[in-house]
Structures are given as structure tokens and as C-alpha cells.
C-alpha atoms as a PDB file:
ATOM      1  CA  MET A   1      20.310 -60.859   4.548  1.00  0.00           C
ATOM      2  CA  ALA A   2      17.303 -62.263   2.664  1.00  0.00           C
ATOM      3  CA  SER A   3      15.069 -61.965   5.746  1.00  0.00           C
ATOM      4  CA  ARG A   4      16.077 -58.299   6.139  1.00  0.00           C
ATOM      5  CA  LEU A   5      15.160 -57.530   2.511  1.00  0.00           C
ATOM      6  CA  LEU A   6      11.856 -59.336   2.966  1.00  0.00           C
ATOM      7  CA  LEU A   7      11.146 -57.286   6.108  1.00  0.00           C
ATOM      8  CA  HIS A   8      11.874 -54.028   4.270  1.00  0.00           C
ATOM      9  CA  ALA A   9       9.566 -55.037   1.426  1.00  0.00           C
ATOM     10  CA  ILE A  10       6.741 -55.859   3.852  1.00  0.00           C
ATOM     11  CA  LEU A  11       7.172 -52.500   5.641  1.00  0.00           C
ATOM     12  CA  ALA A  12       7.115 -50.578   2.320  1.00  0.00           C
ATOM     13  CA  LEU A  13       3.947 -52.427   1.286  1.00  0.00           C
ATOM     14  CA  LEU A  14       2.245 -51.615   4.592  1.00  0.00           C
ATOM     15  CA  ILE A  15       3.180 -47.916   4.338  1.00  0.00           C
ATOM     16  CA  LEU A  16       1.852 -47.756   0.737  1.00  0.00           C
ATOM     17  CA  CYS A  17      -1.443 -49.360   1.780  1.00  0.00           C
ATOM     18  CA  ALA A  18      -1.782 -46.878   4.633  1.00  0.00           C
ATOM     19  CA  ILE A  19      -1.212 -43.696   2.635  1.00  0.00           C
ATOM     20  CA  GLN A  20      -3.216 -44.719  -0.493  1.00  0.00           C
ATOM     21  CA  PRO A  21      -6.667 -43.918   1.026  1.00  0.00           C
ATOM     22  CA  ALA A  22      -5.380 -40.562   2.212  1.00  0.00           C
ATOM     23  CA  LEU A  23      -4.048 -39.672  -1.234  1.00  0.00           C
ATOM     24  CA  ARG A  24      -7.304 -40.770  -2.843  1.00  0.00           C
ATOM     25  CA  GLY A  25      -9.313 -38.625  -0.422  1.00  0.00           C
ATOM     26  CA  GLN A  26      -7.045 -35.650  -1.079  1.00  0.00           C
ATOM     27  CA  ALA A  27      -7.526 -36.021  -4.849  1.00  0.00           C
ATOM     28  CA  LEU A  28     -11.293 -36.104  -4.394  1.00  0.00           C
ATOM     29  CA  ALA A  29     -11.142 -33.021  -2.178  1.00  0.00           C
ATOM     30  CA  ASP A  30      -9.087 -31.130  -4.764  1.00  0.00           C
ATOM     31  CA  THR A  31     -11.611 -31.731  -7.572  1.00  0.00           C
ATOM     32  CA  SER A  32     -14.858 -31.499  -5.604  1.00  0.00           C
ATOM     33  CA  ASP A  33     -14.938 -27.685  -5.781  1.00  0.00           C
ATOM     34  CA  ILE A  34     -14.405 -27.413  -9.567  1.00  0.00           C
ATOM     35  CA  VAL A  35     -17.251 -25.772 -11.484  1.00  0.00           C
ATOM     36  CA  GLN A  36     -17.827 -25.537 -15.268  1.00  0.00           C
ATOM     37  CA  LEU A  37     -18.921 -21.906 -15.591  1.00  0.00           C
ATOM     38  CA  SER A  38     -20.770 -21.221 -18.872  1.00  0.00           C
ATOM     39  CA  GLY A  39     -23.024 -18.428 -20.017  1.00  0.00           C
ATOM     40  CA  LEU A  40     -23.574 -15.288 -22.053  1.00  0.00           C
ATOM     41  CA  VAL A  41     -22.033 -11.814 -21.831  1.00  0.00           C
ATOM     42  CA  TRP A  42     -24.449  -9.096 -22.961  1.00  0.00           C
ATOM     43  CA  THR A  43     -25.156  -5.380 -22.849  1.00  0.00           C
ATOM     44  CA  ASP A  44     -28.401  -3.394 -22.850  1.00  0.00           C
ATOM     45  CA  GLU A  45     -27.527  -0.868 -25.561  1.00  0.00           C
ATOM     46  CA  ASN A  46     -30.102   0.465 -28.036  1.00  0.00           C
ATOM     47  CA  GLY A  47     -32.922  -0.485 -25.705  1.00  0.00           C
ATOM     48  CA  GLY A  48     -32.466  -4.233 -26.105  1.00  0.00           C
ATOM     49  CA  VAL A  49     -30.282  -7.199 -25.236  1.00  0.00           C
ATOM     50  CA  GLU A  50     -27.173  -7.471 -27.417  1.00  0.00           C
ATOM     51  CA  PRO A  51     -24.430 -10.128 -27.034  1.00  0.00           C
ATOM     52  CA  LEU A  52     -20.961  -8.769 -26.359  1.00  0.00           C
ATOM     53  CA  PRO A  53     -18.185 -10.583 -28.298  1.00  0.00           C
ATOM     54  CA  TYR A  54     -14.446 -10.812 -27.535  1.00  0.00           C
ATOM     55  CA  VAL A  55     -14.738 -10.083 -23.811  1.00  0.00           C
ATOM     56  CA  ASN A  56     -11.672 -11.095 -21.774  1.00  0.00           C
ATOM     57  CA  ILE A  57     -12.734 -13.530 -19.049  1.00  0.00           C
ATOM     58  CA  TYR A  58     -10.169 -14.814 -16.554  1.00  0.00           C
ATOM     59  CA  VAL A  59      -9.866 -16.118 -13.012  1.00  0.00           C
ATOM     60  CA  GLN A  60      -8.212 -13.564 -10.782  1.00  0.00           C
ATOM     61  CA  SER A  61      -4.645 -14.333  -9.585  1.00  0.00           C
ATOM     62  CA  THR A  62      -4.408 -17.337 -11.946  1.00  0.00           C
ATOM     63  CA  GLN A  63      -3.414 -18.040 -15.534  1.00  0.00           C
ATOM     64  CA  ARG A  64      -6.794 -19.523 -16.487  1.00  0.00           C
ATOM     65  CA  GLY A  65      -8.949 -17.530 -18.856  1.00  0.00           C
ATOM     66  CA  THR A  66     -10.870 -17.349 -22.114  1.00  0.00           C
ATOM     67  CA  PHE A  67     -12.887 -14.879 -24.219  1.00  0.00           C
ATOM     68  CA  SER A  68     -16.464 -14.715 -25.423  1.00  0.00           C
ATOM     69  CA  SER A  69     -17.403 -15.808 -28.932  1.00  0.00           C
ATOM     70  CA  ASN A  70     -19.085 -13.748 -31.658  1.00  0.00           C
ATOM     71  CA  GLU A  71     -22.427 -14.503 -30.021  1.00  0.00           C
ATOM     72  CA  GLY A  72     -21.155 -13.624 -26.519  1.00  0.00           C
ATOM     73  CA  PHE A  73     -21.001 -17.219 -25.236  1.00  0.00           C
ATOM     74  CA  PHE A  74     -18.174 -18.418 -22.996  1.00  0.00           C
ATOM     75  CA  SER A  75     -17.151 -21.456 -20.953  1.00  0.00           C
ATOM     76  CA  LEU A  76     -14.543 -21.462 -18.180  1.00  0.00           C
ATOM     77  CA  VAL A  77     -13.393 -23.846 -15.443  1.00  0.00           C
ATOM     78  CA  ALA A  78     -13.203 -22.231 -12.000  1.00  0.00           C
ATOM     79  CA  ARG A  79     -13.232 -23.220  -8.363  1.00  0.00           C
ATOM     80  CA  LYS A  80     -15.830 -22.303  -5.805  1.00  0.00           C
ATOM     81  CA  GLY A  81     -14.903 -19.061  -4.078  1.00  0.00           C
ATOM     82  CA  GLU A  82     -12.668 -17.788  -6.924  1.00  0.00           C
ATOM     83  CA  THR A  83     -13.226 -14.397  -8.561  1.00  0.00           C
ATOM     84  CA  VAL A  84     -13.922 -14.289 -12.310  1.00  0.00           C
ATOM     85  CA  VAL A  85     -13.166 -10.952 -14.015  1.00  0.00           C
ATOM     86  CA  PHE A  86     -14.926  -9.719 -17.177  1.00  0.00           C
ATOM     87  CA  SER A  87     -13.129  -6.916 -19.033  1.00  0.00           C
ATOM     88  CA  SER A  88     -13.563  -5.270 -22.424  1.00  0.00           C
ATOM     89  CA  ILE A  89     -12.409  -1.972 -23.914  1.00  0.00           C
ATOM     90  CA  GLY A  90     -15.075   0.674 -23.474  1.00  0.00           C
ATOM     91  CA  TYR A  91     -16.908  -1.239 -20.735  1.00  0.00           C
ATOM     92  CA  LYS A  92     -16.621  -1.288 -16.955  1.00  0.00           C
ATOM     93  CA  ASP A  93     -14.841  -4.316 -15.504  1.00  0.00           C
ATOM     94  CA  VAL A  94     -17.087  -6.768 -13.689  1.00  0.00           C
ATOM     95  CA  GLU A  95     -15.997  -9.187 -10.959  1.00  0.00           C
ATOM     96  CA  TYR A  96     -18.051 -12.272 -10.158  1.00  0.00           C
ATOM     97  CA  VAL A  97     -17.317 -14.486  -7.156  1.00  0.00           C
ATOM     98  CA  VAL A  98     -18.241 -18.128  -7.746  1.00  0.00           C
ATOM     99  CA  PRO A  99     -20.473 -19.085  -4.780  1.00  0.00           C
ATOM    100  CA  ASP A 100     -19.018 -21.736  -2.506  1.00  0.00           C
ATOM    101  CA  THR A 101     -22.521 -23.050  -1.799  1.00  0.00           C
ATOM    102  CA  LEU A 102     -23.158 -24.322  -5.320  1.00  0.00           C
ATOM    103  CA  GLN A 103     -24.478 -27.836  -5.680  1.00  0.00           C
ATOM    104  CA  GLY A 104     -23.130 -29.709  -8.686  1.00  0.00           C
ATOM    105  CA  THR A 105     -20.306 -29.071 -11.120  1.00  0.00           C
ATOM    106  CA  ARG A 106     -22.061 -26.867 -13.689  1.00  0.00           C
ATOM    107  CA  TYR A 107     -23.356 -23.311 -13.402  1.00  0.00           C
ATOM    108  CA  SER A 108     -24.888 -20.914 -15.956  1.00  0.00           C
ATOM    109  CA  LEU A 109     -24.232 -17.182 -15.804  1.00  0.00           C
ATOM    110  CA  PHE A 110     -25.686 -14.265 -17.806  1.00  0.00           C
ATOM    111  CA  GLN A 111     -23.301 -11.374 -17.207  1.00  0.00           C
ATOM    112  CA  LEU A 112     -24.318  -7.773 -17.945  1.00  0.00           C
ATOM    113  CA  MET A 113     -21.638  -5.215 -18.861  1.00  0.00           C
ATOM    114  CA  ARG A 114     -22.217  -1.465 -19.133  1.00  0.00           C
ATOM    115  CA  ARG A 115     -20.422   1.262 -21.044  1.00  0.00           C
ATOM    116  CA  ASP A 116     -17.600   3.109 -19.308  1.00  0.00           C
ATOM    117  CA  THR A 117     -17.173   6.884 -19.626  1.00  0.00           C
ATOM    118  CA  PHE A 118     -13.681   8.200 -20.334  1.00  0.00           C
ATOM    119  CA  LEU A 119     -12.879  11.772 -19.305  1.00  0.00           C
ATOM    120  CA  LEU A 120     -10.042  13.082 -21.455  1.00  0.00           C
ATOM    121  CA  PRO A 121      -7.973  16.102 -20.407  1.00  0.00           C
ATOM    122  CA  GLU A 122      -8.866  19.385 -22.038  1.00  0.00           C
ATOM    123  CA  THR A 123      -6.956  20.274 -25.197  1.00  0.00           C
ATOM    124  CA  VAL A 124      -6.796  23.876 -26.380  1.00  0.00           C
ATOM    125  CA  ILE A 125      -5.688  24.594 -29.970  1.00  0.00           C
ATOM    126  CA  TYR A 126      -4.416  28.054 -30.803  1.00  0.00           C
ATOM    127  CA  PRO A 127      -4.465  28.558 -34.603  1.00  0.00           C
ATOM    128  CA  TRP A 128      -2.651  31.248 -36.520  1.00  0.00           C
ATOM    129  CA  PRO A 129      -4.532  34.545 -36.557  1.00  0.00           C
ATOM    130  CA  SER A 130      -4.977  34.287 -40.340  1.00  0.00           C
ATOM    131  CA  ARG A 131      -3.801  32.427 -43.435  1.00  0.00           C
ATOM    132  CA  GLU A 132      -1.427  35.301 -44.243  1.00  0.00           C
ATOM    133  CA  HIS A 133       0.370  34.928 -40.894  1.00  0.00           C
ATOM    134  CA  PHE A 134       0.700  31.182 -41.451  1.00  0.00           C
ATOM    135  CA  LYS A 135       2.076  31.748 -44.964  1.00  0.00           C
ATOM    136  CA  LEU A 136       4.661  34.232 -43.686  1.00  0.00           C
ATOM    137  CA  GLU A 137       5.807  31.925 -40.903  1.00  0.00           C
ATOM    138  CA  PHE A 138       5.938  28.922 -43.231  1.00  0.00           C
ATOM    139  CA  LEU A 139       8.040  30.764 -45.816  1.00  0.00           C
ATOM    140  CA  ALA A 140      10.351  32.032 -43.102  1.00  0.00           C
ATOM    141  CA  MET A 141      11.226  28.518 -41.979  1.00  0.00           C
ATOM    142  CA  ASP A 142      14.893  27.666 -42.394  1.00  0.00           C
ATOM    143  CA  VAL A 143      15.003  24.135 -43.792  1.00  0.00           C
ATOM    144  CA  GLU A 144      18.565  22.893 -44.035  1.00  0.00           C
ATOM    145  CA  SER A 145      19.667  20.805 -46.980  1.00  0.00           C
ATOM    146  CA  GLU A 146      20.538  17.866 -44.709  1.00  0.00           C
ATOM    147  CA  LEU A 147      17.007  17.784 -43.266  1.00  0.00           C
ATOM    148  CA  GLU A 148      15.534  18.018 -46.739  1.00  0.00           C
ATOM    149  CA  ALA A 149      17.695  15.127 -47.964  1.00  0.00           C
ATOM    150  CA  LEU A 150      16.738  13.060 -44.912  1.00  0.00           C
ATOM    151  CA  ALA A 151      13.040  13.711 -45.512  1.00  0.00           C
ATOM    152  CA  ASN A 152      13.352  12.731 -49.174  1.00  0.00           C
ATOM    153  CA  GLU A 153      15.176   9.537 -48.180  1.00  0.00           C
ATOM    154  CA  ASN A 154      12.507   8.602 -45.621  1.00  0.00           C
ATOM    155  CA  LEU A 155       9.740   9.191 -48.172  1.00  0.00           C
ATOM    156  CA  SER A 156      11.419   7.449 -51.080  1.00  0.00           C
ATOM    157  CA  ASP A 157       9.790   4.475 -52.797  1.00  0.00           C
ATOM    158  CA  ARG A 158      12.475   2.128 -51.464  1.00  0.00           C
ATOM    159  CA  ALA A 159      11.977   3.199 -47.842  1.00  0.00           C
ATOM    160  CA  LEU A 160       8.190   2.988 -48.106  1.00  0.00           C
ATOM    161  CA  ALA A 161       8.455  -0.471 -49.717  1.00  0.00           C
ATOM    162  CA  GLN A 162      10.623  -1.674 -46.818  1.00  0.00           C
ATOM    163  CA  LEU A 163       8.101  -0.348 -44.304  1.00  0.00           C
ATOM    164  CA  ILE A 164       5.271  -2.129 -46.100  1.00  0.00           C
ATOM    165  CA  ALA A 165       7.248  -5.400 -46.201  1.00  0.00           C
ATOM    166  CA  PHE A 166       8.574  -5.494 -42.632  1.00  0.00           C
ATOM    167  CA  LEU A 167       6.350  -3.223 -40.526  1.00  0.00           C
ATOM    168  CA  PRO A 168       3.912  -5.389 -38.517  1.00  0.00           C
ATOM    169  CA  THR A 169       0.207  -4.701 -38.817  1.00  0.00           C
ATOM    170  CA  ASP A 170      -1.635  -2.965 -36.001  1.00  0.00           C
ATOM    171  CA  GLY A 171      -4.784  -4.085 -34.237  1.00  0.00           C
ATOM    172  CA  ASP A 172      -7.204  -2.369 -36.619  1.00  0.00           C
ATOM    173  CA  GLU A 173      -5.581  -3.991 -39.661  1.00  0.00           C
ATOM    174  CA  ASN A 174      -5.598  -7.423 -38.038  1.00  0.00           C
ATOM    175  CA  VAL A 175      -9.262  -7.115 -37.074  1.00  0.00           C
ATOM    176  CA  ASP A 176     -10.190  -5.885 -40.557  1.00  0.00           C
ATOM    177  CA  PHE A 177      -8.337  -8.793 -42.193  1.00  0.00           C
ATOM    178  CA  PHE A 178      -9.953 -11.306 -39.828  1.00  0.00           C
ATOM    179  CA  LEU A 179     -13.458  -9.941 -40.408  1.00  0.00           C
ATOM    180  CA  ARG A 180     -12.975  -9.961 -44.195  1.00  0.00           C
ATOM    181  CA  GLN A 181     -11.856 -13.599 -44.014  1.00  0.00           C
ATOM    182  CA  GLN A 182     -14.889 -14.480 -41.883  1.00  0.00           C
ATOM    183  CA  ALA A 183     -17.259 -12.661 -44.237  1.00  0.00           C
ATOM    184  CA  GLN A 184     -15.789 -14.463 -47.250  1.00  0.00           C
ATOM    185  CA  ALA A 185     -16.057 -17.826 -45.489  1.00  0.00           C
ATOM    186  CA  TYR A 186     -19.706 -17.188 -44.574  1.00  0.00           C
ATOM    187  CA  TYR A 187     -20.470 -15.981 -48.114  1.00  0.00           C
ATOM    188  CA  TYR A 188     -19.288 -19.247 -49.687  1.00  0.00           C
ATOM    189  CA  GLU A 189     -20.488 -21.518 -46.879  1.00  0.00           C
ATOM    190  CA  GLY A 190     -22.018 -24.714 -48.244  1.00  0.00           C
ATOM    191  CA  GLN A 191     -20.694 -24.247 -51.767  1.00  0.00           C
ATOM    192  CA  ILE A 192     -17.456 -24.473 -53.714  1.00  0.00           C
ATOM    193  CA  ARG A 193     -15.542 -21.225 -54.070  1.00  0.00           C
ATOM    194  CA  PRO A 194     -15.224 -20.007 -57.655  1.00  0.00           C
ATOM    195  CA  MET A 195     -11.766 -20.013 -59.227  1.00  0.00           C
ATOM    196  CA  ASN A 196     -10.613 -16.882 -61.052  1.00  0.00           C
ATOM    197  CA  VAL A 197      -8.882 -19.036 -63.655  1.00  0.00           C
ATOM    198  CA  LEU A 198     -12.382 -20.014 -64.840  1.00  0.00           C
ATOM    199  CA  ASN A 199     -13.831 -16.523 -64.431  1.00  0.00           C
ATOM    200  CA  VAL A 200     -14.703 -15.106 -67.867  1.00  0.00           C
ATOM    201  CA  PHE A 201     -14.906 -11.523 -66.589  1.00  0.00           C
ATOM    202  CA  ALA A 202     -11.465 -11.781 -64.972  1.00  0.00           C
ATOM    203  CA  TRP A 203      -9.984 -13.006 -68.252  1.00  0.00           C
ATOM    204  CA  LYS A 204     -11.701 -10.125 -70.084  1.00  0.00           C
ATOM    205  CA  GLN A 205     -10.178  -7.569 -67.703  1.00  0.00           C
ATOM    206  CA  PHE A 206      -6.751  -9.196 -68.069  1.00  0.00           C
ATOM    207  CA  ILE A 207      -6.853  -9.112 -71.889  1.00  0.00           C
ATOM    208  CA  GLU A 208      -7.987  -5.485 -71.921  1.00  0.00           C
ATOM    209  CA  ALA A 209      -5.194  -4.499 -69.535  1.00  0.00           C
ATOM    210  CA  LEU A 210      -2.703  -6.390 -71.696  1.00  0.00           C
ATOM    211  CA  LYS A 211      -3.872  -4.522 -74.793  1.00  0.00           C
ATOM    212  CA  ARG A 212      -3.591  -1.183 -73.023  1.00  0.00           C
ATOM    213  CA  GLY A 213      -0.023  -1.972 -72.022  1.00  0.00           C
ATOM    214  CA  ASP A 214      -0.611  -1.811 -68.279  1.00  0.00           C
ATOM    215  CA  PHE A 215       2.043  -4.479 -67.668  1.00  0.00           C
ATOM    216  CA  LYS A 216       4.806  -2.768 -69.652  1.00  0.00           C
ATOM    217  CA  ARG A 217       7.590  -1.228 -67.615  1.00  0.00           C
ATOM    218  CA  LYS A 218       7.594   2.506 -67.779  1.00  0.00           C
ATOM    219  CA  LYS A 219      10.763   4.017 -69.127  1.00  0.00           C
ATOM    220  CA  LYS A 220      12.703   6.199 -66.744  1.00  0.00           C
ATOM    221  CA  GLN A 221      12.473   9.860 -67.587  1.00  0.00           C
END
């Protein structure tokens, strides 16, 4: 029984020694075609070179991707022979195939992107012949009391407050908030931000508003 266990252990050790070089060679083959792709995305608008920020950059048919910085710089890991796609709203998509003949593991790329032209369908607006016709049609509208009550309910202060509290912000609002935060951070870079509790002008405005009664609750009519 002991000799059989010893024989099995020797066979397992021999098999492990035989397949280890093959696994090591396979690992080297899997990483030999990896390339660190770095560079700049730019456009030639206004007669000069301008960096293009927030460009979506991803490897086609994979989940690997990134986006360009404020200065248009990017860095992405790709394999030789893969297709890297550059896309941005308002610009034509660009596909770049990483050459399989590259020597080394690093490659620099300066990618140009050009404006894309959108052709919108034609829209024809037919106005009322005159203001008098519009006034007659508007006064002739039959607005039911239920619709009027529903409109008043949707436009009430309570409904609008709920929309402000729970309605998520859209893309323009998010971008505006982010840019304002960045501008404020750059404005106070290298120095301590002032505190309004020590701001004399803020205290002056607060005292004047307190004297005017701006904080008093208005009585219901």
C-alpha cells in the first residue's frame, strides 16, 4: 500500500515537471502581444491644433476602454491586431488597428478627429394667419374643470418641490456642476479657501436682510 502511494506521488511529480515549461511558455505568449497605447486626441478646428477632451476610447468587441482627459491625453492597454475605436458626439468615429508588427510594449498615437455633419429632416411650421385668428381659436377652446384642476395640481408649489427634490439631473446640469467645481478648485489652488463665517461682507448682507425682515414667514392671505 505504501509503495503504491509512493508510485502515485512520483508520477504526479513527473507530470507537473513536464507541463510546467509548457504553461510558462503559454503565459509568455499571452502577454507578448500587449501594448501600452498612449497619445493625444486632437482636432484641427479654427485653423490650429486643439486637444479634444472626453473622447470615448475602447477596444472593439471587449470591455476595455477609457476616455481622454481635459488636455486630450489618453492611455489604454491593447493587444496587437485589435481595433481601437475613438468616438465623440459631433465627431466622426475613428477606428485604429494596432499593428501586429510593433516592436516593444509601448506605442504613441496622435489621433485626429473631424466634425460630423448631421442632416435633420425638414420641419415645416404653419402659423395662424393672424393674431386675431389665434385669439378666436384660443378663446373657443373648451377646457374642462377636471383638466384645469389637474393642471393646477401639477403646477402647485408642492408638486414642483417634489420634482426638484427627486427628479435626477440631466447631462447638461451634471456637466455644469462639474465644471463649476473644477473652476472653483483651480481658483483656490495653492491657497486656503476663505470661510464665509469670517467674511465681513457676508455678515453685513445677513444683518441687512435680518433688519428688512427677509426671514420672517409671510402670513397667508
